Amino acid sequence: MTSFRIEHDTMGEVHVPASALYGAQTQRAINNFHVSDLRLPAQFIQAVAQIKKAAAQANLQLELLDESIANAIVQASDAIISGEHADQFPVDVFQTGSGTSTNMNVNEVIAHLASEIAGKKIHPNDHVNMSQSSNDTIPSAIHISAALACEEKLFPAIENLHTCLLGKAEQLTDIVKTGRTHLMDAMPLTFGQEISGWASQIEGNYVRLQTSLSQLLQLAQGGTAVGTGVNAHPYFADLFAKKLSENTDTPFIPANNFFAVMSAQDTAVAVSGQLKTLAVSLMKISNDLRWMNSGPLAGLGEISLQALQPGSSIMPGKVNPVIPEAVCMVCAQVIGNDASISIAGQSGNFQLNVMLPLIAYNLLQSIELLSNACNQLAENAIPNFSVNQTNIDKALACNPILVTALNSTIGYEKAAAIAKKAYQEGRSIIEVAEEETDLKRPDLERLLNPKSLTGA
């Protein structure tokens, strides 16, 4: 049988597992919230620990904390930041909307560890939570964890994909293919041009997300309960941001208006919108790859993605575009996350948003998924697909839309008649145009040269 110890809080006694590092308020949350098996991500818990560390350093410098207590809190926080004690944060994502249960969970674990380090009682509220409230800590942790996740994982992944796309575009710059609009044959372009469009999409997403990063760096910390900064030293917010910036090597600053960043989550909603846009771009690229890879006989068959695994449990030899499919599912999840974050962002009632844990979970999941999806495309789909030149040349030679190049010479209606005849008879445009116009073969070859029509 599990052994227990008795912990106390303002509501009375609570039985807590003897081995647990957390205390009464965490146990109450465990008892109350049986909603899901979802827990706030490790990087979010680590962001809260970063807040506790920087707060202790600031409070020490402001002579509000005893040095031994502050140093013990810093040491305990560092352990959590490094990934230790990850099993001590069991509170459900679906909890009190302020995230108070998670804030107290971290406070209690740090207080327990710090008490052992210092050899004296360190209180989770009076010491670890000094100059703070859940109401400014959790919004700050959302910004900190998202900003660090973007810098450490998402931005490098986007850069990786962008570099990969540029390299593939350069590799295929001279291969001409049939363009498509409305899924129907259109004027030709090169593979390089098509892939350069993908690269530009990814670059645009990178620029937009970088712009949003500056807003994530603005923190609610120092606003305490409702934005007024009650129970915090007047210099706390600035000093806290300075310490946090030094600890994370990231230039965090106090928000210019605590009331805005605590009562609303507009920055998180905006960042989520940019993540959704990246997801939309990745889904477009992935679906283009799927279409171009379709076949190999009854589809377009323009490219062959690398065969990574058998594609069917019943059809031998079948191989599926598994990486683009996985990426498309990531994109669907991110788009759904954005919808949830948008709804949660509307729940800023008076001085506090009350869906903060949901925003934190979905925002960080979107960043994680998109980071991995970009790397998957860059490593297992884009660089190693091969072009099926025979299929491309065959489709290009029979493309009736090439007649567009003759519009200015013979007129739209005559060109349309040639296109229809060529398609109906299964003949090339140049052959029918030679019969139906006074243009000489050399002139037609020049006018209908697919490469020249790409402008490349």
Protein backbone atom coordinates (compact mmCIF):
# COMPACT_ATOMS: atom_id res chain seq x y z
CA MET A 1 0.00 0.00 0.00
CA THR A 2 1.11 3.56 -0.74
CA SER A 3 2.19 5.46 2.36
CA PHE A 4 1.00 9.00 2.92
CA ARG A 5 1.98 12.07 4.87
CA ILE A 6 -0.26 14.86 6.13
CA GLU A 7 0.13 18.28 4.49
CA HIS A 8 -1.73 21.45 5.45
CA ASP A 9 -3.03 24.43 3.50
CA THR A 10 -5.60 27.14 4.24
CA MET A 11 -8.42 24.64 3.77
CA GLY A 12 -7.08 22.06 6.18
CA GLU A 13 -5.32 18.71 6.07
CA VAL A 14 -4.59 16.73 2.90
CA HIS A 15 -3.15 13.24 2.45
CA VAL A 16 -0.19 13.39 0.06
CA PRO A 17 1.90 10.40 -1.12
CA ALA A 18 4.94 10.18 1.11
CA SER A 19 7.33 10.17 -1.85
CA ALA A 20 5.80 13.23 -3.54
CA LEU A 21 7.74 16.48 -3.66
CA TYR A 22 4.54 18.51 -4.02
CA GLY A 23 2.16 19.49 -1.25
CA ALA A 24 -1.44 20.08 -0.32
CA GLN A 25 -2.60 22.37 -3.12
CA THR A 26 -1.20 20.12 -5.82
CA GLN A 27 -2.88 17.11 -4.25
CA ARG A 28 -6.19 18.96 -4.15
CA ALA A 29 -5.82 19.64 -7.87
CA ILE A 30 -5.07 15.96 -8.51
CA ASN A 31 -8.18 15.03 -6.55
CA ASN A 32 -10.39 17.61 -8.28
CA PHE A 33 -9.40 17.41 -11.94
CA HIS A 34 -10.01 13.99 -13.47
CA VAL A 35 -10.61 15.27 -16.97
CA SER A 36 -7.86 13.95 -19.25
CA ASP A 37 -4.42 12.42 -19.40
CA LEU A 38 -3.02 15.68 -20.78
CA ARG A 39 -0.36 17.48 -18.77
CA LEU A 40 1.30 20.82 -19.44
CA PRO A 41 4.46 20.30 -21.51
CA ALA A 42 7.88 20.10 -19.89
CA GLN A 43 8.97 23.38 -21.48
CA PHE A 44 6.05 25.15 -19.80
CA ILE A 45 6.92 23.77 -16.37
CA GLN A 46 10.54 24.76 -17.01
CA ALA A 47 9.40 28.28 -17.92
CA VAL A 48 7.55 28.56 -14.61
CA ALA A 49 10.74 27.41 -12.87
CA GLN A 50 12.67 30.09 -14.77
CA ILE A 51 10.24 32.61 -13.32
CA LYS A 52 10.81 31.32 -9.78
CA LYS A 53 14.57 31.49 -10.26
CA ALA A 54 14.59 35.04 -11.63
CA ALA A 55 12.08 36.17 -8.97
CA ALA A 56 14.28 34.81 -6.19
CA GLN A 57 17.31 36.57 -7.67
CA ALA A 58 15.39 39.84 -7.95
CA ASN A 59 13.95 39.55 -4.45
CA LEU A 60 17.42 38.85 -3.07
CA GLN A 61 18.84 41.95 -4.75
CA LEU A 62 15.91 43.97 -3.41
CA GLU A 63 16.74 42.61 0.07
CA LEU A 64 13.35 40.96 0.41
CA LEU A 65 14.67 37.39 0.67
CA ASP A 66 17.34 35.92 2.90
CA GLU A 67 20.38 34.90 0.84
CA SER A 68 20.29 31.26 1.91
CA ILE A 69 16.61 30.99 0.98
CA ALA A 70 17.07 32.72 -2.36
CA ASN A 71 20.06 30.56 -3.28
CA ALA A 72 18.18 27.39 -2.34
CA ILE A 73 15.22 28.45 -4.52
CA VAL A 74 17.58 29.14 -7.41
CA GLN A 75 19.25 25.76 -7.01
CA ALA A 76 15.93 23.93 -6.81
CA SER A 77 14.62 25.83 -9.84
CA ASP A 78 17.74 24.90 -11.81
CA ALA A 79 17.05 21.23 -11.15
CA ILE A 80 13.58 21.55 -12.66
CA ILE A 81 14.86 23.63 -15.58
CA SER A 82 17.37 20.88 -16.36
CA GLY A 83 14.54 18.34 -16.58
CA GLU A 84 14.81 16.71 -13.16
CA HIS A 85 11.69 15.71 -11.18
CA ALA A 86 9.50 15.76 -14.30
CA ASP A 87 7.12 13.25 -12.72
CA GLN A 88 6.23 15.72 -9.96
CA PHE A 89 3.95 17.86 -12.13
CA PRO A 90 0.81 15.73 -12.55
CA VAL A 91 -1.90 18.41 -12.74
CA ASP A 92 -4.38 18.07 -15.60
CA VAL A 93 -4.37 20.70 -18.34
CA PHE A 94 -8.09 21.11 -17.71
CA GLN A 95 -7.91 22.77 -14.31
CA THR A 96 -8.61 26.19 -12.86
CA GLY A 97 -8.45 28.68 -15.72
CA SER A 98 -5.76 30.83 -14.15
CA GLY A 99 -3.37 27.90 -13.93
CA THR A 100 -3.10 28.45 -10.17
CA SER A 101 -2.84 24.71 -9.57
CA THR A 102 0.20 24.46 -11.82
CA ASN A 103 1.80 27.55 -10.30
CA MET A 104 1.35 26.11 -6.83
CA ASN A 105 2.55 22.70 -8.00
CA VAL A 106 5.85 24.29 -9.06
CA ASN A 107 5.96 26.43 -5.90
CA GLU A 108 5.49 23.38 -3.69
CA VAL A 109 8.08 21.22 -5.47
CA ILE A 110 10.65 24.02 -5.37
CA ALA A 111 9.85 24.75 -1.71
CA HIS A 112 10.33 21.06 -0.84
CA LEU A 113 13.67 20.83 -2.68
CA ALA A 114 14.87 24.21 -1.42
CA SER A 115 14.02 23.31 2.18
CA GLU A 116 16.26 20.24 1.90
CA ILE A 117 19.03 22.35 0.35
CA ALA A 118 18.83 25.17 2.91
CA GLY A 119 18.17 22.93 5.90
CA LYS A 120 15.22 25.03 6.95
CA LYS A 121 11.57 25.52 6.09
CA ILE A 122 10.98 27.42 2.85
CA HIS A 123 7.35 28.30 2.18
CA PRO A 124 5.81 27.86 -1.29
CA ASN A 125 3.79 31.10 -1.06
CA ASP A 126 5.79 33.38 1.22
CA HIS A 127 9.17 32.61 -0.31
CA VAL A 128 8.93 30.86 -3.71
CA ASN A 129 5.92 32.90 -4.83
CA MET A 130 7.17 36.20 -3.37
CA SER A 131 6.26 39.26 -5.50
CA GLN A 132 4.21 37.03 -7.79
CA SER A 133 0.70 35.79 -8.45
CA SER A 134 -0.53 32.94 -10.59
CA ASN A 135 -2.26 35.69 -12.54
CA ASP A 136 1.00 37.16 -13.83
CA THR A 137 3.16 34.02 -13.60
CA ILE A 138 1.11 31.81 -15.94
CA PRO A 139 0.69 34.46 -18.68
CA SER A 140 4.43 35.13 -18.43
CA ALA A 141 5.20 31.42 -18.65
CA ILE A 142 3.11 31.18 -21.82
CA HIS A 143 5.21 33.91 -23.44
CA ILE A 144 8.53 32.59 -22.12
CA SER A 145 7.96 28.98 -23.13
CA ALA A 146 6.62 29.90 -26.57
CA ALA A 147 9.44 32.36 -27.26
CA LEU A 148 12.13 29.87 -26.24
CA ALA A 149 10.47 27.05 -28.19
CA CYS A 150 10.40 29.23 -31.31
CA GLU A 151 14.02 30.28 -30.94
CA GLU A 152 15.39 26.87 -30.04
CA LYS A 153 13.33 24.60 -32.27
CA LEU A 154 10.84 26.18 -34.68
CA PHE A 155 13.04 28.83 -36.29
CA PRO A 156 15.92 26.40 -36.95
CA ALA A 157 13.44 23.91 -38.44
CA ILE A 158 11.93 26.56 -40.74
CA GLU A 159 15.41 27.62 -41.80
CA ASN A 160 16.27 23.99 -42.48
CA LEU A 161 13.23 23.54 -44.72
CA HIS A 162 13.82 26.85 -46.51
CA THR A 163 17.43 25.94 -47.28
CA CYS A 164 16.34 22.52 -48.50
CA LEU A 165 13.72 24.01 -50.83
CA LEU A 166 16.15 26.51 -52.29
CA GLY A 167 18.63 23.72 -52.96
CA LYS A 168 16.01 21.54 -54.65
CA ALA A 169 14.79 24.47 -56.74
CA GLU A 170 18.34 25.09 -57.93
CA GLN A 171 18.82 21.40 -58.70
CA LEU A 172 15.68 21.28 -60.87
CA THR A 173 15.88 24.75 -62.39
CA ASP A 174 16.04 23.52 -66.01
CA ILE A 175 13.32 20.86 -65.90
CA VAL A 176 10.14 22.14 -67.57
CA LYS A 177 6.76 20.69 -66.59
CA THR A 178 3.09 21.30 -67.21
CA GLY A 179 1.59 23.90 -64.92
CA ARG A 180 -1.85 23.35 -63.47
CA THR A 181 -4.64 25.66 -62.37
CA HIS A 182 -7.97 24.28 -61.14
CA LEU A 183 -6.16 20.89 -61.36
CA MET A 184 -6.29 21.34 -65.15
CA ASP A 185 -3.42 21.71 -67.60
CA ALA A 186 -2.03 25.24 -67.79
CA MET A 187 1.03 26.99 -69.16
CA PRO A 188 4.41 25.39 -68.45
CA LEU A 189 6.86 26.36 -65.74
CA THR A 190 10.03 24.83 -64.38
CA PHE A 191 10.28 22.67 -61.30
CA GLY A 192 12.66 25.30 -59.98
CA GLN A 193 10.03 28.00 -60.31
CA GLU A 194 7.38 25.87 -58.64
CA ILE A 195 9.59 24.97 -55.70
CA SER A 196 10.81 28.56 -55.40
CA GLY A 197 7.19 29.43 -54.66
CA TRP A 198 7.18 26.96 -51.80
CA ALA A 199 10.45 28.42 -50.50
CA SER A 200 9.00 31.92 -50.60
CA GLN A 201 5.95 30.77 -48.64
CA ILE A 202 8.19 29.35 -45.93
CA GLU A 203 10.30 32.51 -45.85
CA GLY A 204 7.17 34.62 -45.44
CA ASN A 205 6.06 32.51 -42.50
CA TYR A 206 9.48 32.90 -40.91
CA VAL A 207 9.35 36.69 -41.22
CA ARG A 208 5.84 36.89 -39.75
CA LEU A 209 6.74 34.67 -36.81
CA GLN A 210 9.90 36.66 -36.12
CA THR A 211 7.75 39.79 -35.92
CA SER A 212 5.46 38.08 -33.41
CA LEU A 213 8.45 37.07 -31.29
CA SER A 214 8.99 40.67 -30.16
CA GLN A 215 5.52 40.60 -28.58
CA LEU A 216 6.21 37.30 -26.80
CA LEU A 217 9.21 38.90 -25.14
CA GLN A 218 6.90 41.31 -23.26
CA LEU A 219 5.92 39.80 -19.92
CA ALA A 220 3.11 40.20 -17.41
CA GLN A 221 5.41 39.51 -14.47
CA GLY A 222 5.14 42.30 -11.92
CA GLY A 223 1.42 42.81 -12.40
CA THR A 224 0.66 40.29 -9.61
CA ALA A 225 -3.07 39.84 -8.91
CA VAL A 226 -4.87 42.26 -11.26
CA GLY A 227 -2.15 44.28 -12.93
CA THR A 228 -1.56 46.86 -10.22
CA GLY A 229 1.57 45.16 -8.86
CA VAL A 230 0.24 44.78 -5.33
CA ASN A 231 2.75 43.05 -2.98
CA ALA A 232 5.59 43.50 -5.47
CA HIS A 233 8.46 45.97 -5.05
CA PRO A 234 8.23 48.92 -7.50
CA TYR A 235 11.53 47.83 -9.06
CA PHE A 236 10.66 44.14 -9.15
CA ALA A 237 9.34 43.91 -12.72
CA ASP A 238 12.38 45.53 -14.31
CA LEU A 239 14.85 43.63 -12.17
CA PHE A 240 13.01 40.35 -12.74
CA ALA A 241 13.13 40.83 -16.54
CA LYS A 242 16.84 41.62 -16.34
CA LYS A 243 17.60 38.47 -14.34
CA LEU A 244 15.44 36.29 -16.59
CA SER A 245 17.12 37.70 -19.70
CA GLU A 246 20.54 36.91 -18.26
CA ASN A 247 19.46 33.39 -17.31
CA THR A 248 17.93 32.55 -20.70
CA ASP A 249 20.06 34.72 -22.98
CA THR A 250 16.81 36.14 -24.37
CA PRO A 251 15.84 39.85 -24.10
CA PHE A 252 12.61 39.71 -22.09
CA ILE A 253 11.11 42.97 -20.89
CA PRO A 254 8.13 44.01 -18.74
CA ALA A 255 4.99 44.66 -20.76
CA ASN A 256 4.15 48.33 -21.08
CA ASN A 257 0.67 47.59 -19.74
CA PHE A 258 0.15 44.71 -17.31
CA PHE A 259 -3.64 45.05 -17.48
CA ALA A 260 -3.63 44.14 -21.17
CA VAL A 261 -1.33 41.13 -20.99
CA MET A 262 -3.08 39.66 -17.95
CA SER A 263 -6.70 40.26 -18.90
CA ALA A 264 -6.21 39.18 -22.52
CA GLN A 265 -4.09 36.74 -24.48
CA ASP A 266 -3.95 38.67 -27.75
CA THR A 267 -0.27 37.90 -28.33
CA ALA A 268 -0.81 34.15 -27.95
CA VAL A 269 -3.79 34.36 -30.30
CA ALA A 270 -1.72 36.28 -32.85
CA VAL A 271 1.20 33.84 -32.64
CA SER A 272 -1.20 30.94 -33.00
CA GLY A 273 -2.58 32.61 -36.12
CA GLN A 274 0.92 32.76 -37.59
CA LEU A 275 1.45 29.10 -36.71
CA LYS A 276 -1.82 28.30 -38.45
CA THR A 277 -0.59 30.15 -41.54
CA LEU A 278 2.59 28.07 -41.52
CA ALA A 279 0.42 24.96 -41.22
CA VAL A 280 -1.63 26.05 -44.23
CA SER A 281 1.59 26.56 -46.23
CA LEU A 282 2.95 23.16 -45.23
CA MET A 283 -0.33 21.49 -46.14
CA LYS A 284 -0.27 23.12 -49.60
CA ILE A 285 3.31 21.93 -50.17
CA SER A 286 2.56 18.45 -48.87
CA ASN A 287 -0.53 18.06 -51.02
CA ASP A 288 1.39 19.24 -54.09
CA LEU A 289 3.95 16.53 -53.38
CA ARG A 290 1.19 13.95 -52.99
CA TRP A 291 -0.42 14.93 -56.28
CA MET A 292 2.87 14.99 -58.19
CA ASN A 293 3.78 11.61 -56.71
CA SER A 294 0.38 10.06 -57.47
CA GLY A 295 0.33 6.87 -59.50
CA PRO A 296 2.75 5.53 -60.42
CA LEU A 297 0.66 4.59 -63.48
CA ALA A 298 -2.84 5.99 -63.01
CA GLY A 299 -1.84 9.32 -61.45
CA LEU A 300 0.35 12.24 -62.47
CA GLY A 301 3.56 10.36 -61.78
CA GLU A 302 5.70 13.49 -62.14
CA ILE A 303 7.95 12.61 -59.23
CA SER A 304 8.77 9.61 -57.08
CA LEU A 305 9.08 10.26 -53.38
CA GLN A 306 11.56 8.06 -51.57
CA ALA A 307 10.03 4.70 -50.62
CA LEU A 308 10.12 4.59 -46.83
CA GLN A 309 7.83 1.71 -45.91
CA PRO A 310 5.28 -0.72 -47.38
CA GLY A 311 2.04 1.08 -48.06
CA SER A 312 -0.53 -1.64 -47.69
CA SER A 313 -1.21 -4.68 -45.57
CA ILE A 314 -3.00 -6.35 -48.49
CA MET A 315 -1.61 -4.86 -51.73
CA PRO A 316 2.01 -5.98 -52.23
CA GLY A 317 4.37 -3.42 -53.71
CA LYS A 318 2.21 -0.41 -52.85
CA VAL A 319 4.15 2.57 -51.44
CA ASN A 320 2.46 5.65 -50.03
CA PRO A 321 3.58 9.30 -49.59
CA VAL A 322 3.79 8.84 -45.84
CA ILE A 323 5.76 11.96 -44.90
CA PRO A 324 3.44 14.43 -46.69
CA GLU A 325 0.46 12.59 -45.20
CA ALA A 326 1.89 12.86 -41.69
CA VAL A 327 2.62 16.55 -42.23
CA CYS A 328 -0.95 17.14 -43.42
CA MET A 329 -2.25 15.61 -40.19
CA VAL A 330 0.06 17.88 -38.21
CA CYS A 331 -1.36 20.85 -40.09
CA ALA A 332 -4.94 19.78 -39.35
CA GLN A 333 -4.08 19.53 -35.64
CA VAL A 334 -2.44 22.97 -35.62
CA ILE A 335 -5.42 24.54 -37.37
CA GLY A 336 -7.67 22.93 -34.73
CA ASN A 337 -5.39 24.19 -31.96
CA ASP A 338 -5.70 27.70 -33.37
CA ALA A 339 -9.49 27.48 -33.20
CA SER A 340 -9.26 26.43 -29.54
CA ILE A 341 -6.80 29.22 -28.76
CA SER A 342 -9.05 31.75 -30.48
CA ILE A 343 -12.01 30.68 -28.35
CA ALA A 344 -9.85 30.64 -25.22
CA GLY A 345 -8.56 34.11 -26.04
CA GLN A 346 -12.10 35.42 -25.81
CA SER A 347 -12.27 34.33 -22.17
CA GLY A 348 -10.49 37.37 -20.81
CA ASN A 349 -13.11 38.27 -18.25
CA PHE A 350 -12.36 41.65 -16.67
CA GLN A 351 -8.81 41.40 -15.23
CA LEU A 352 -7.86 37.81 -16.13
CA ASN A 353 -8.11 35.31 -18.93
CA VAL A 354 -9.43 32.05 -17.50
CA MET A 355 -8.38 29.52 -20.15
CA LEU A 356 -4.63 29.94 -19.74
CA PRO A 357 -3.64 26.26 -19.38
CA LEU A 358 -5.47 25.39 -22.61
CA ILE A 359 -3.73 28.23 -24.46
CA ALA A 360 -0.35 27.11 -23.11
CA TYR A 361 -0.85 23.48 -24.06
CA ASN A 362 -2.13 24.09 -27.58
CA LEU A 363 0.37 26.83 -28.41
CA LEU A 364 3.35 24.74 -27.37
CA GLN A 365 1.98 21.65 -29.10
CA SER A 366 1.60 23.59 -32.34
CA ILE A 367 5.18 24.84 -32.13
CA GLU A 368 6.47 21.33 -31.42
CA LEU A 369 4.46 19.70 -34.20
CA LEU A 370 5.37 22.29 -36.83
CA SER A 371 9.04 22.12 -35.90
CA ASN A 372 9.03 18.37 -36.41
CA ALA A 373 6.97 18.60 -39.60
CA CYS A 374 9.37 21.09 -41.20
CA ASN A 375 12.30 18.83 -40.40
CA GLN A 376 10.48 15.77 -41.73
CA LEU A 377 9.87 17.45 -45.09
CA ALA A 378 13.44 18.76 -45.20
CA GLU A 379 15.02 15.42 -44.37
CA ASN A 380 12.70 12.73 -45.73
CA ALA A 381 10.66 14.19 -48.59
CA ILE A 382 12.06 17.21 -50.45
CA PRO A 383 15.77 16.42 -50.97
CA ASN A 384 15.40 12.85 -52.17
CA PHE A 385 12.44 12.82 -54.54
CA SER A 386 13.29 12.02 -58.14
CA VAL A 387 11.75 13.46 -61.31
CA ASN A 388 10.06 11.11 -63.77
CA GLN A 389 11.28 12.84 -66.93
CA THR A 390 9.44 10.56 -69.39
CA ASN A 391 6.04 11.28 -67.86
CA ILE A 392 6.75 15.00 -67.68
CA ASP A 393 7.88 15.23 -71.30
CA LYS A 394 4.89 13.22 -72.52
CA ALA A 395 2.37 15.44 -70.77
CA LEU A 396 4.18 18.58 -71.85
CA ALA A 397 4.26 17.60 -75.53
CA CYS A 398 0.52 16.97 -75.58
CA ASN A 399 -0.48 19.98 -73.50
CA PRO A 400 -3.13 21.83 -75.57
CA ILE A 401 -2.71 24.95 -73.44
CA LEU A 402 0.63 25.65 -75.14
CA VAL A 403 -1.48 27.21 -77.88
CA THR A 404 -1.79 30.25 -75.55
CA ALA A 405 1.57 31.33 -76.95
CA LEU A 406 -0.08 31.83 -80.36
CA ASN A 407 -2.83 34.18 -79.11
CA SER A 408 -1.08 37.35 -80.20
CA THR A 409 -0.31 35.90 -83.63
CA ILE A 410 -3.51 34.09 -84.67
CA GLY A 411 -6.05 35.32 -82.09
CA TYR A 412 -7.78 33.70 -79.11
CA GLU A 413 -10.62 32.00 -81.03
CA LYS A 414 -8.38 30.41 -83.66
CA ALA A 415 -6.01 29.26 -80.92
CA ALA A 416 -8.93 27.72 -79.01
CA ALA A 417 -10.05 25.80 -82.09
CA ILE A 418 -6.52 24.41 -82.56
CA ALA A 419 -6.36 23.38 -78.88
CA LYS A 420 -9.68 21.56 -79.07
CA LYS A 421 -8.73 19.73 -82.25
CA ALA A 422 -5.36 18.72 -80.89
CA TYR A 423 -6.96 17.38 -77.70
CA GLN A 424 -9.76 15.54 -79.51
CA GLU A 425 -7.38 13.89 -81.96
CA GLY A 426 -4.64 13.20 -79.47
CA ARG A 427 -2.10 15.16 -81.48
CA SER A 428 0.43 17.79 -80.57
CA ILE A 429 -0.33 21.50 -80.77
CA ILE A 430 2.54 22.14 -83.15
CA GLU A 431 1.29 19.51 -85.60
CA VAL A 432 -2.27 20.87 -85.72
CA ALA A 433 -1.12 24.49 -85.78
CA GLU A 434 1.07 23.76 -88.77
CA GLU A 435 -2.02 22.51 -90.62
CA GLU A 436 -4.41 25.22 -89.47
CA THR A 437 -2.22 28.32 -89.83
CA ASP A 438 0.24 29.89 -92.23
CA LEU A 439 3.01 29.75 -89.65
CA LYS A 440 6.11 27.85 -90.66
CA ARG A 441 7.46 24.96 -88.61
CA PRO A 442 10.55 26.84 -87.40
CA ASP A 443 8.37 29.73 -86.24
CA LEU A 444 6.02 27.36 -84.46
CA GLU A 445 8.91 25.57 -82.77
CA ARG A 446 10.17 28.92 -81.55
CA LEU A 447 6.78 30.17 -80.37
CA LEU A 448 5.76 26.90 -78.72
CA ASN A 449 9.06 26.05 -77.06
CA PRO A 450 8.00 25.15 -73.49
CA LYS A 451 11.23 26.35 -71.92
CA SER A 452 10.94 29.80 -73.53
CA LEU A 453 7.38 30.04 -72.28
CA THR A 454 8.51 29.71 -68.65
CA GLY A 455 10.48 32.96 -68.79
CA ALA A 456 13.32 31.15 -67.06
